Amino acid sequence: MDKRDVKILSAITNLGTGSPDRLHEETGIPKSTIYYRLNNLREEGVIENDLYDIDYEKVGLGVTVIAEVIAEYDEGYHERVGEKLSAIEGADQVYFTMGETDFVVIVRLGNQGMVEDLISQFEGIDEVIRTRSMFTISTIKNEPRLLKNFEFETLEAIADAEDE
C-alpha cells in the first residue's frame, strides 16, 4: 500500500462508496488508476466487500449488550470458546482479551426480552464460568468505517512505515 491507496481508501470511507467516478472526483486520481488499485486492494484482501451501512435501530435491532465472558482456561480454549461465542445469534463482535476478562462480546438484539435467550446461550457453553453484561443506554459513537477515526496524515504515516 502506498499514499495513493490510502487516499482512495480514505475517499471510500468519507464518501461511503467505491464508485470510481465519485472517487476520481474526490481524489483527482485517474479512473483507470482507481479501477486498477481497487482490484489490487481487493486481491490483497484490504477491501473485503462492498459495504452498506445499516441503521440497526431502524431494522429493529436497537438493543446493544456488551458482555464480558470469563471462561475455563485450557489449551486452545480461546479458539473453541471464541467460535461458540461467535455462533450466538446477534453477536457481531467477539474479542479474546487479556486481563480478568477472557472475551468481550458485542451483541445486537431486537428487544430486552431477547436478553434471557442470550444468557441461556452463554450458559449453554460448557467452558463459560461467568458473564457480566451491560446494556447501552444510548450510542455516542459507532463508526463502522474505521478510517474515519484517523487524520489523513496519520494514515499516510502508517503507509510510509509499512513501506520501510
N, C-alpha and C. Protein backbone atom coordinates (compact mmCIF):
# COMPACT_ATOMS: atom_id res chain seq x y z
N MET A 1 0.83 -1.18 0.00
CA MET A 1 0.00 0.00 0.00
C MET A 1 0.87 1.24 0.00
N ASP A 2 0.44 2.23 -0.76
CA ASP A 2 1.15 3.48 -0.78
C ASP A 2 0.18 4.62 -0.54
N LYS A 3 0.66 5.85 -0.71
CA LYS A 3 -0.16 7.02 -0.41
C LYS A 3 -1.40 7.11 -1.30
N ARG A 4 -1.29 6.68 -2.55
CA ARG A 4 -2.47 6.71 -3.42
C ARG A 4 -3.54 5.74 -2.92
N ASP A 5 -3.11 4.56 -2.48
CA ASP A 5 -4.07 3.60 -1.92
C ASP A 5 -4.75 4.19 -0.70
N VAL A 6 -3.97 4.83 0.17
CA VAL A 6 -4.54 5.44 1.37
C VAL A 6 -5.53 6.53 0.98
N LYS A 7 -5.18 7.30 -0.02
CA LYS A 7 -6.07 8.37 -0.49
C LYS A 7 -7.39 7.79 -1.00
N ILE A 8 -7.30 6.71 -1.75
CA ILE A 8 -8.50 6.05 -2.26
C ILE A 8 -9.33 5.47 -1.12
N LEU A 9 -8.69 4.79 -0.17
CA LEU A 9 -9.41 4.21 0.96
C LEU A 9 -10.06 5.29 1.83
N SER A 10 -9.37 6.39 2.03
CA SER A 10 -9.94 7.49 2.80
C SER A 10 -11.15 8.08 2.08
N ALA A 11 -11.06 8.21 0.77
CA ALA A 11 -12.18 8.74 -0.01
C ALA A 11 -13.38 7.78 0.06
N ILE A 12 -13.12 6.47 -0.04
CA ILE A 12 -14.21 5.49 0.09
C ILE A 12 -14.89 5.65 1.45
N THR A 13 -14.08 5.81 2.48
CA THR A 13 -14.62 5.96 3.83
C THR A 13 -15.45 7.23 3.95
N ASN A 14 -14.94 8.32 3.42
CA ASN A 14 -15.66 9.60 3.54
C ASN A 14 -16.91 9.65 2.68
N LEU A 15 -16.85 9.06 1.49
CA LEU A 15 -17.98 9.11 0.56
C LEU A 15 -19.00 8.01 0.83
N GLY A 16 -18.54 6.91 1.41
CA GLY A 16 -19.43 5.77 1.63
C GLY A 16 -19.70 5.00 0.35
N THR A 17 -18.81 5.13 -0.62
CA THR A 17 -18.99 4.42 -1.89
C THR A 17 -17.63 4.11 -2.50
N GLY A 18 -17.63 3.07 -3.33
CA GLY A 18 -16.42 2.70 -4.07
C GLY A 18 -16.55 3.05 -5.53
N SER A 19 -17.48 3.93 -5.87
CA SER A 19 -17.71 4.32 -7.26
C SER A 19 -16.46 5.01 -7.81
N PRO A 20 -15.85 4.45 -8.87
CA PRO A 20 -14.67 5.08 -9.46
C PRO A 20 -14.91 6.52 -9.92
N ASP A 21 -16.12 6.80 -10.40
CA ASP A 21 -16.43 8.18 -10.81
C ASP A 21 -16.36 9.12 -9.62
N ARG A 22 -17.01 8.72 -8.53
CA ARG A 22 -17.01 9.58 -7.33
C ARG A 22 -15.62 9.67 -6.71
N LEU A 23 -14.87 8.55 -6.73
CA LEU A 23 -13.52 8.56 -6.18
C LEU A 23 -12.60 9.47 -7.00
N HIS A 24 -12.77 9.45 -8.32
CA HIS A 24 -11.99 10.34 -9.19
C HIS A 24 -12.29 11.80 -8.86
N GLU A 25 -13.58 12.13 -8.70
CA GLU A 25 -13.97 13.50 -8.36
C GLU A 25 -13.35 13.94 -7.04
N GLU A 26 -13.33 13.03 -6.08
CA GLU A 26 -12.83 13.35 -4.73
C GLU A 26 -11.31 13.44 -4.67
N THR A 27 -10.62 12.57 -5.40
CA THR A 27 -9.16 12.46 -5.25
C THR A 27 -8.36 13.07 -6.40
N GLY A 28 -8.99 13.17 -7.57
CA GLY A 28 -8.24 13.62 -8.74
C GLY A 28 -7.40 12.52 -9.37
N ILE A 29 -7.46 11.34 -8.83
CA ILE A 29 -6.71 10.20 -9.38
C ILE A 29 -7.48 9.70 -10.61
N PRO A 30 -6.79 9.43 -11.72
CA PRO A 30 -7.48 8.96 -12.93
C PRO A 30 -8.31 7.70 -12.65
N LYS A 31 -9.47 7.62 -13.32
CA LYS A 31 -10.39 6.48 -13.10
C LYS A 31 -9.72 5.14 -13.41
N SER A 32 -8.90 5.09 -14.45
CA SER A 32 -8.23 3.83 -14.79
C SER A 32 -7.31 3.39 -13.66
N THR A 33 -6.65 4.34 -13.03
CA THR A 33 -5.78 4.03 -11.89
C THR A 33 -6.63 3.56 -10.70
N ILE A 34 -7.76 4.20 -10.50
CA ILE A 34 -8.65 3.80 -9.40
C ILE A 34 -9.14 2.37 -9.61
N TYR A 35 -9.59 2.03 -10.83
CA TYR A 35 -10.01 0.66 -11.11
C TYR A 35 -8.89 -0.33 -10.80
N TYR A 36 -7.69 -0.03 -11.28
CA TYR A 36 -6.54 -0.90 -11.10
C TYR A 36 -6.25 -1.09 -9.61
N ARG A 37 -6.21 0.02 -8.88
CA ARG A 37 -5.87 -0.06 -7.46
C ARG A 37 -6.96 -0.72 -6.64
N LEU A 38 -8.22 -0.47 -6.98
CA LEU A 38 -9.31 -1.15 -6.27
C LEU A 38 -9.22 -2.66 -6.46
N ASN A 39 -8.92 -3.10 -7.69
CA ASN A 39 -8.75 -4.53 -7.94
C ASN A 39 -7.61 -5.10 -7.11
N ASN A 40 -6.49 -4.38 -7.06
CA ASN A 40 -5.35 -4.84 -6.27
C ASN A 40 -5.69 -4.90 -4.78
N LEU A 41 -6.40 -3.88 -4.29
CA LEU A 41 -6.77 -3.85 -2.88
C LEU A 41 -7.73 -4.99 -2.54
N ARG A 42 -8.60 -5.35 -3.48
CA ARG A 42 -9.49 -6.50 -3.26
C ARG A 42 -8.68 -7.79 -3.24
N GLU A 43 -7.77 -7.95 -4.21
CA GLU A 43 -6.96 -9.17 -4.28
C GLU A 43 -6.09 -9.34 -3.04
N GLU A 44 -5.62 -8.23 -2.49
CA GLU A 44 -4.77 -8.27 -1.29
C GLU A 44 -5.60 -8.45 -0.02
N GLY A 45 -6.92 -8.39 -0.15
CA GLY A 45 -7.79 -8.56 1.00
C GLY A 45 -7.98 -7.29 1.82
N VAL A 46 -7.44 -6.17 1.35
CA VAL A 46 -7.62 -4.91 2.08
C VAL A 46 -9.08 -4.49 2.01
N ILE A 47 -9.67 -4.59 0.82
CA ILE A 47 -11.10 -4.35 0.66
C ILE A 47 -11.76 -5.72 0.64
N GLU A 48 -12.57 -5.99 1.66
CA GLU A 48 -13.17 -7.31 1.79
C GLU A 48 -14.47 -7.45 1.02
N ASN A 49 -15.24 -6.37 0.94
CA ASN A 49 -16.54 -6.44 0.27
C ASN A 49 -17.07 -5.03 0.03
N ASP A 50 -18.20 -4.93 -0.61
CA ASP A 50 -18.86 -3.64 -0.80
C ASP A 50 -19.81 -3.44 0.37
N LEU A 51 -19.52 -2.43 1.20
CA LEU A 51 -20.26 -2.24 2.44
C LEU A 51 -21.37 -1.21 2.29
N TYR A 52 -22.49 -1.54 2.89
CA TYR A 52 -23.59 -0.59 3.01
C TYR A 52 -23.91 -0.50 4.49
N ASP A 53 -23.78 0.68 5.05
CA ASP A 53 -24.05 0.85 6.47
C ASP A 53 -25.54 0.72 6.73
N ILE A 54 -25.86 0.12 7.86
CA ILE A 54 -27.26 -0.10 8.23
C ILE A 54 -27.51 0.53 9.59
N ASP A 55 -28.61 1.21 9.71
CA ASP A 55 -29.05 1.74 10.99
C ASP A 55 -29.77 0.60 11.72
N TYR A 56 -29.09 0.02 12.71
CA TYR A 56 -29.63 -1.16 13.40
C TYR A 56 -30.97 -0.88 14.08
N GLU A 57 -31.12 0.30 14.62
CA GLU A 57 -32.39 0.63 15.29
C GLU A 57 -33.55 0.61 14.32
N LYS A 58 -33.33 1.09 13.09
CA LYS A 58 -34.40 1.16 12.11
C LYS A 58 -34.83 -0.22 11.60
N VAL A 59 -33.95 -1.22 11.76
CA VAL A 59 -34.34 -2.58 11.37
C VAL A 59 -34.73 -3.41 12.59
N GLY A 60 -34.91 -2.73 13.73
CA GLY A 60 -35.41 -3.42 14.92
C GLY A 60 -34.36 -4.07 15.78
N LEU A 61 -33.10 -3.70 15.62
CA LEU A 61 -32.03 -4.27 16.44
C LEU A 61 -31.37 -3.18 17.27
N GLY A 62 -32.18 -2.49 18.05
CA GLY A 62 -31.70 -1.32 18.77
C GLY A 62 -31.13 -1.57 20.16
N VAL A 63 -31.17 -2.79 20.64
CA VAL A 63 -30.63 -3.10 21.97
C VAL A 63 -29.22 -3.66 21.80
N THR A 64 -28.25 -2.94 22.36
CA THR A 64 -26.86 -3.41 22.31
C THR A 64 -26.44 -3.87 23.69
N VAL A 65 -25.92 -5.08 23.75
CA VAL A 65 -25.42 -5.64 25.01
C VAL A 65 -23.92 -5.85 24.86
N ILE A 66 -23.18 -5.39 25.86
CA ILE A 66 -21.74 -5.62 25.91
C ILE A 66 -21.53 -6.64 27.03
N ALA A 67 -21.02 -7.81 26.67
CA ALA A 67 -20.86 -8.89 27.65
C ALA A 67 -19.39 -9.22 27.84
N GLU A 68 -19.01 -9.32 29.09
CA GLU A 68 -17.68 -9.82 29.43
C GLU A 68 -17.86 -11.29 29.80
N VAL A 69 -16.99 -12.13 29.26
CA VAL A 69 -17.11 -13.57 29.47
C VAL A 69 -15.82 -14.10 30.09
N ILE A 70 -15.97 -14.79 31.20
CA ILE A 70 -14.83 -15.47 31.83
C ILE A 70 -15.01 -16.95 31.55
N ALA A 71 -13.96 -17.56 31.00
CA ALA A 71 -14.05 -18.97 30.60
C ALA A 71 -12.98 -19.78 31.32
N GLU A 72 -13.22 -21.08 31.35
CA GLU A 72 -12.29 -22.01 31.97
C GLU A 72 -11.07 -22.15 31.07
N TYR A 73 -9.89 -21.89 31.64
CA TYR A 73 -8.65 -21.95 30.87
C TYR A 73 -8.30 -23.39 30.53
N ASP A 74 -7.90 -23.58 29.27
CA ASP A 74 -7.46 -24.87 28.77
C ASP A 74 -6.68 -24.59 27.49
N GLU A 75 -5.83 -25.47 27.11
CA GLU A 75 -5.06 -25.25 25.88
C GLU A 75 -6.02 -25.10 24.69
N GLY A 76 -5.85 -24.01 23.96
CA GLY A 76 -6.66 -23.75 22.77
C GLY A 76 -8.08 -23.30 23.07
N TYR A 77 -8.37 -23.01 24.34
CA TYR A 77 -9.75 -22.65 24.69
C TYR A 77 -10.22 -21.39 24.00
N HIS A 78 -9.30 -20.46 23.75
CA HIS A 78 -9.72 -19.19 23.15
C HIS A 78 -10.32 -19.40 21.76
N GLU A 79 -9.82 -20.39 21.03
CA GLU A 79 -10.38 -20.67 19.71
C GLU A 79 -11.74 -21.37 19.82
N ARG A 80 -11.80 -22.39 20.68
CA ARG A 80 -13.05 -23.13 20.85
C ARG A 80 -14.17 -22.23 21.38
N VAL A 81 -13.88 -21.54 22.47
CA VAL A 81 -14.90 -20.70 23.09
C VAL A 81 -15.22 -19.52 22.16
N GLY A 82 -14.21 -18.98 21.53
CA GLY A 82 -14.42 -17.87 20.60
C GLY A 82 -15.37 -18.25 19.47
N GLU A 83 -15.22 -19.45 18.94
CA GLU A 83 -16.12 -19.93 17.88
C GLU A 83 -17.55 -20.08 18.41
N LYS A 84 -17.68 -20.62 19.62
CA LYS A 84 -19.01 -20.80 20.21
C LYS A 84 -19.68 -19.45 20.48
N LEU A 85 -18.91 -18.50 20.98
CA LEU A 85 -19.46 -17.16 21.22
C LEU A 85 -19.84 -16.49 19.91
N SER A 86 -19.04 -16.69 18.89
CA SER A 86 -19.32 -16.11 17.58
C SER A 86 -20.61 -16.65 16.97
N ALA A 87 -20.98 -17.87 17.35
CA ALA A 87 -22.18 -18.50 16.79
C ALA A 87 -23.47 -18.02 17.46
N ILE A 88 -23.34 -17.25 18.54
CA ILE A 88 -24.54 -16.75 19.23
C ILE A 88 -25.26 -15.76 18.32
N GLU A 89 -26.55 -15.96 18.20
CA GLU A 89 -27.34 -15.10 17.34
C GLU A 89 -27.27 -13.65 17.83
N GLY A 90 -26.93 -12.76 16.91
CA GLY A 90 -26.84 -11.34 17.23
C GLY A 90 -25.45 -10.88 17.62
N ALA A 91 -24.53 -11.83 17.88
CA ALA A 91 -23.16 -11.44 18.24
C ALA A 91 -22.46 -10.94 16.98
N ASP A 92 -22.13 -9.65 16.97
CA ASP A 92 -21.46 -9.13 15.78
C ASP A 92 -20.00 -8.83 16.01
N GLN A 93 -19.56 -8.86 17.28
CA GLN A 93 -18.14 -8.68 17.58
C GLN A 93 -17.77 -9.58 18.74
N VAL A 94 -16.67 -10.31 18.60
CA VAL A 94 -16.16 -11.16 19.67
C VAL A 94 -14.66 -10.94 19.75
N TYR A 95 -14.20 -10.58 20.94
CA TYR A 95 -12.78 -10.29 21.14
C TYR A 95 -12.21 -11.18 22.24
N PHE A 96 -11.06 -11.80 21.99
CA PHE A 96 -10.30 -12.52 23.01
C PHE A 96 -9.40 -11.47 23.64
N THR A 97 -9.45 -11.32 24.96
CA THR A 97 -8.78 -10.21 25.62
C THR A 97 -7.78 -10.69 26.67
N MET A 98 -6.97 -9.77 27.13
CA MET A 98 -6.04 -10.03 28.23
C MET A 98 -6.61 -9.38 29.48
N GLY A 99 -6.26 -9.91 30.63
CA GLY A 99 -6.72 -9.34 31.89
C GLY A 99 -7.70 -10.27 32.57
N GLU A 100 -8.57 -9.70 33.38
CA GLU A 100 -9.52 -10.50 34.16
C GLU A 100 -10.61 -11.12 33.29
N THR A 101 -10.93 -10.48 32.19
CA THR A 101 -11.97 -10.96 31.29
C THR A 101 -11.32 -11.68 30.13
N ASP A 102 -11.86 -12.84 29.77
CA ASP A 102 -11.30 -13.60 28.65
C ASP A 102 -11.82 -13.13 27.30
N PHE A 103 -13.11 -12.78 27.25
CA PHE A 103 -13.74 -12.37 26.00
C PHE A 103 -14.64 -11.17 26.24
N VAL A 104 -14.75 -10.34 25.23
CA VAL A 104 -15.77 -9.29 25.20
C VAL A 104 -16.62 -9.56 23.97
N VAL A 105 -17.94 -9.59 24.17
CA VAL A 105 -18.86 -9.89 23.09
C VAL A 105 -19.85 -8.73 22.97
N ILE A 106 -19.99 -8.21 21.76
CA ILE A 106 -20.98 -7.17 21.48
C ILE A 106 -22.13 -7.85 20.74
N VAL A 107 -23.33 -7.71 21.30
CA VAL A 107 -24.50 -8.40 20.75
C VAL A 107 -25.57 -7.35 20.44
N ARG A 108 -26.18 -7.49 19.27
CA ARG A 108 -27.30 -6.61 18.87
C ARG A 108 -28.57 -7.44 18.96
N LEU A 109 -29.55 -6.92 19.69
CA LEU A 109 -30.80 -7.64 19.89
C LEU A 109 -31.99 -6.76 19.54
N GLY A 110 -33.14 -7.40 19.35
CA GLY A 110 -34.34 -6.68 18.98
C GLY A 110 -35.06 -6.06 20.16
N ASN A 111 -34.97 -6.69 21.31
CA ASN A 111 -35.65 -6.15 22.49
C ASN A 111 -35.02 -6.76 23.74
N GLN A 112 -35.38 -6.18 24.88
CA GLN A 112 -34.78 -6.66 26.13
C GLN A 112 -35.20 -8.08 26.45
N GLY A 113 -36.35 -8.52 25.93
CA GLY A 113 -36.79 -9.89 26.16
C GLY A 113 -35.83 -10.92 25.56
N MET A 114 -35.11 -10.52 24.53
CA MET A 114 -34.16 -11.44 23.90
C MET A 114 -32.92 -11.66 24.76
N VAL A 115 -32.74 -10.84 25.79
CA VAL A 115 -31.57 -10.97 26.66
C VAL A 115 -31.61 -12.29 27.42
N GLU A 116 -32.79 -12.72 27.83
CA GLU A 116 -32.92 -14.00 28.53
C GLU A 116 -32.39 -15.14 27.66
N ASP A 117 -32.71 -15.11 26.38
CA ASP A 117 -32.20 -16.12 25.46
C ASP A 117 -30.68 -16.01 25.32
N LEU A 118 -30.19 -14.79 25.30
CA LEU A 118 -28.73 -14.58 25.22
C LEU A 118 -28.03 -15.22 26.42
N ILE A 119 -28.58 -14.99 27.61
CA ILE A 119 -27.98 -15.57 28.82
C ILE A 119 -28.02 -17.10 28.75
N SER A 120 -29.10 -17.66 28.24
CA SER A 120 -29.19 -19.11 28.09
C SER A 120 -28.12 -19.62 27.13
N GLN A 121 -27.87 -18.87 26.07
CA GLN A 121 -26.84 -19.29 25.12
C GLN A 121 -25.45 -19.25 25.76
N PHE A 122 -25.19 -18.22 26.57
CA PHE A 122 -23.91 -18.18 27.30
C PHE A 122 -23.80 -19.37 28.24
N GLU A 123 -24.88 -19.66 28.98
CA GLU A 123 -24.88 -20.77 29.93
C GLU A 123 -24.72 -22.11 29.23
N GLY A 124 -25.11 -22.20 27.98
CA GLY A 124 -25.00 -23.44 27.22
C GLY A 124 -23.59 -23.76 26.76
N ILE A 125 -22.66 -22.86 26.97
CA ILE A 125 -21.26 -23.11 26.60
C ILE A 125 -20.55 -23.63 27.84
N ASP A 126 -20.13 -24.90 27.78
CA ASP A 126 -19.55 -25.57 28.94
C ASP A 126 -18.39 -24.81 29.57
N GLU A 127 -17.55 -24.22 28.76
CA GLU A 127 -16.33 -23.58 29.26
C GLU A 127 -16.60 -22.23 29.93
N VAL A 128 -17.78 -21.66 29.75
CA VAL A 128 -18.09 -20.35 30.33
C VAL A 128 -18.35 -20.50 31.83
N ILE A 129 -17.57 -19.77 32.59
CA ILE A 129 -17.69 -19.80 34.05
C ILE A 129 -18.67 -18.72 34.52
N ARG A 130 -18.53 -17.52 33.94
CA ARG A 130 -19.33 -16.40 34.41
C ARG A 130 -19.39 -15.34 33.31
N THR A 131 -20.46 -14.58 33.31
CA THR A 131 -20.59 -13.43 32.40
C THR A 131 -21.01 -12.20 33.20
N ARG A 132 -20.69 -11.08 32.62
CA ARG A 132 -21.16 -9.80 33.17
C ARG A 132 -21.59 -8.98 31.97
N SER A 133 -22.84 -8.56 31.96
CA SER A 133 -23.38 -7.86 30.79
C SER A 133 -23.84 -6.46 31.14
N MET A 134 -23.74 -5.59 30.14
CA MET A 134 -24.19 -4.21 30.27
C MET A 134 -25.06 -3.88 29.07
N PHE A 135 -26.14 -3.15 29.32
CA PHE A 135 -26.97 -2.60 28.25
C PHE A 135 -26.43 -1.22 27.93
N THR A 136 -26.45 -0.86 26.68
CA THR A 136 -26.13 0.52 26.35
C THR A 136 -27.40 1.34 26.49
N ILE A 137 -27.26 2.55 26.99
CA ILE A 137 -28.38 3.47 27.14
C ILE A 137 -28.58 4.24 25.83
N SER A 138 -27.49 4.75 25.31
CA SER A 138 -27.54 5.44 24.02
C SER A 138 -26.17 5.31 23.35
N THR A 139 -26.18 5.41 22.05
CA THR A 139 -24.94 5.30 21.29
C THR A 139 -24.36 6.69 21.09
N ILE A 140 -23.17 6.90 21.57
CA ILE A 140 -22.48 8.17 21.39
C ILE A 140 -21.72 8.16 20.08
N LYS A 141 -21.05 7.06 19.79
CA LYS A 141 -20.31 6.92 18.54
C LYS A 141 -20.26 5.45 18.16
N ASN A 142 -20.59 5.18 16.91
CA ASN A 142 -20.47 3.84 16.35
C ASN A 142 -20.10 4.03 14.89
N GLU A 143 -18.83 4.21 14.63
CA GLU A 143 -18.35 4.48 13.28
C GLU A 143 -17.91 3.17 12.64
N PRO A 144 -18.72 2.62 11.73
CA PRO A 144 -18.36 1.35 11.11
C PRO A 144 -17.19 1.47 10.13
N ARG A 145 -16.90 2.68 9.69
CA ARG A 145 -15.77 2.88 8.76
C ARG A 145 -14.60 3.40 9.57
N LEU A 146 -13.77 2.49 10.04
CA LEU A 146 -12.68 2.78 10.96
C LEU A 146 -11.78 3.92 10.49
N LEU A 147 -11.51 4.02 9.20
CA LEU A 147 -10.58 5.03 8.71
C LEU A 147 -11.07 6.45 8.99
N LYS A 148 -12.37 6.64 9.20
CA LYS A 148 -12.89 7.97 9.53
C LYS A 148 -12.37 8.44 10.89
N ASN A 149 -11.87 7.55 11.71
CA ASN A 149 -11.37 7.90 13.04
C ASN A 149 -9.94 8.42 13.02
N PHE A 150 -9.33 8.51 11.84
CA PHE A 150 -7.94 8.92 11.72
C PHE A 150 -7.80 10.11 10.78
N GLU A 151 -6.84 10.95 11.06
CA GLU A 151 -6.48 12.02 10.14
C GLU A 151 -5.77 11.40 8.95
N PHE A 152 -5.91 12.02 7.79
CA PHE A 152 -5.27 11.51 6.58
C PHE A 152 -3.76 11.41 6.76
N GLU A 153 -3.16 12.38 7.44
CA GLU A 153 -1.71 12.38 7.65
C GLU A 153 -1.27 11.17 8.48
N THR A 154 -2.10 10.77 9.44
CA THR A 154 -1.78 9.59 10.25
C THR A 154 -1.78 8.34 9.39
N LEU A 155 -2.78 8.22 8.51
CA LEU A 155 -2.85 7.06 7.63
C LEU A 155 -1.67 7.04 6.65
N GLU A 156 -1.28 8.22 6.18
CA GLU A 156 -0.10 8.30 5.30
C GLU A 156 1.15 7.83 6.02
N ALA A 157 1.30 8.26 7.28
CA ALA A 157 2.47 7.86 8.08
C ALA A 157 2.49 6.34 8.28
N ILE A 158 1.33 5.76 8.50
CA ILE A 158 1.25 4.30 8.67
C ILE A 158 1.66 3.62 7.37
N ALA A 159 1.17 4.13 6.23
CA ALA A 159 1.53 3.56 4.92
C ALA A 159 3.03 3.69 4.67
N ASP A 160 3.60 4.84 5.04
CA ASP A 160 5.04 5.05 4.88
C ASP A 160 5.84 4.06 5.73
N ALA A 161 5.38 3.81 6.96
CA ALA A 161 6.07 2.89 7.86
C ALA A 161 6.01 1.46 7.30
N GLU A 162 4.90 1.11 6.67
CA GLU A 162 4.75 -0.22 6.07
C GLU A 162 5.72 -0.40 4.90
N ASP A 163 6.00 0.71 4.18
CA ASP A 163 6.90 0.65 3.02
C ASP A 163 8.35 0.44 3.43
N GLU A 164 8.69 0.80 4.66
CA GLU A 164 10.09 0.69 5.12
C GLU A 164 10.49 -0.71 5.45
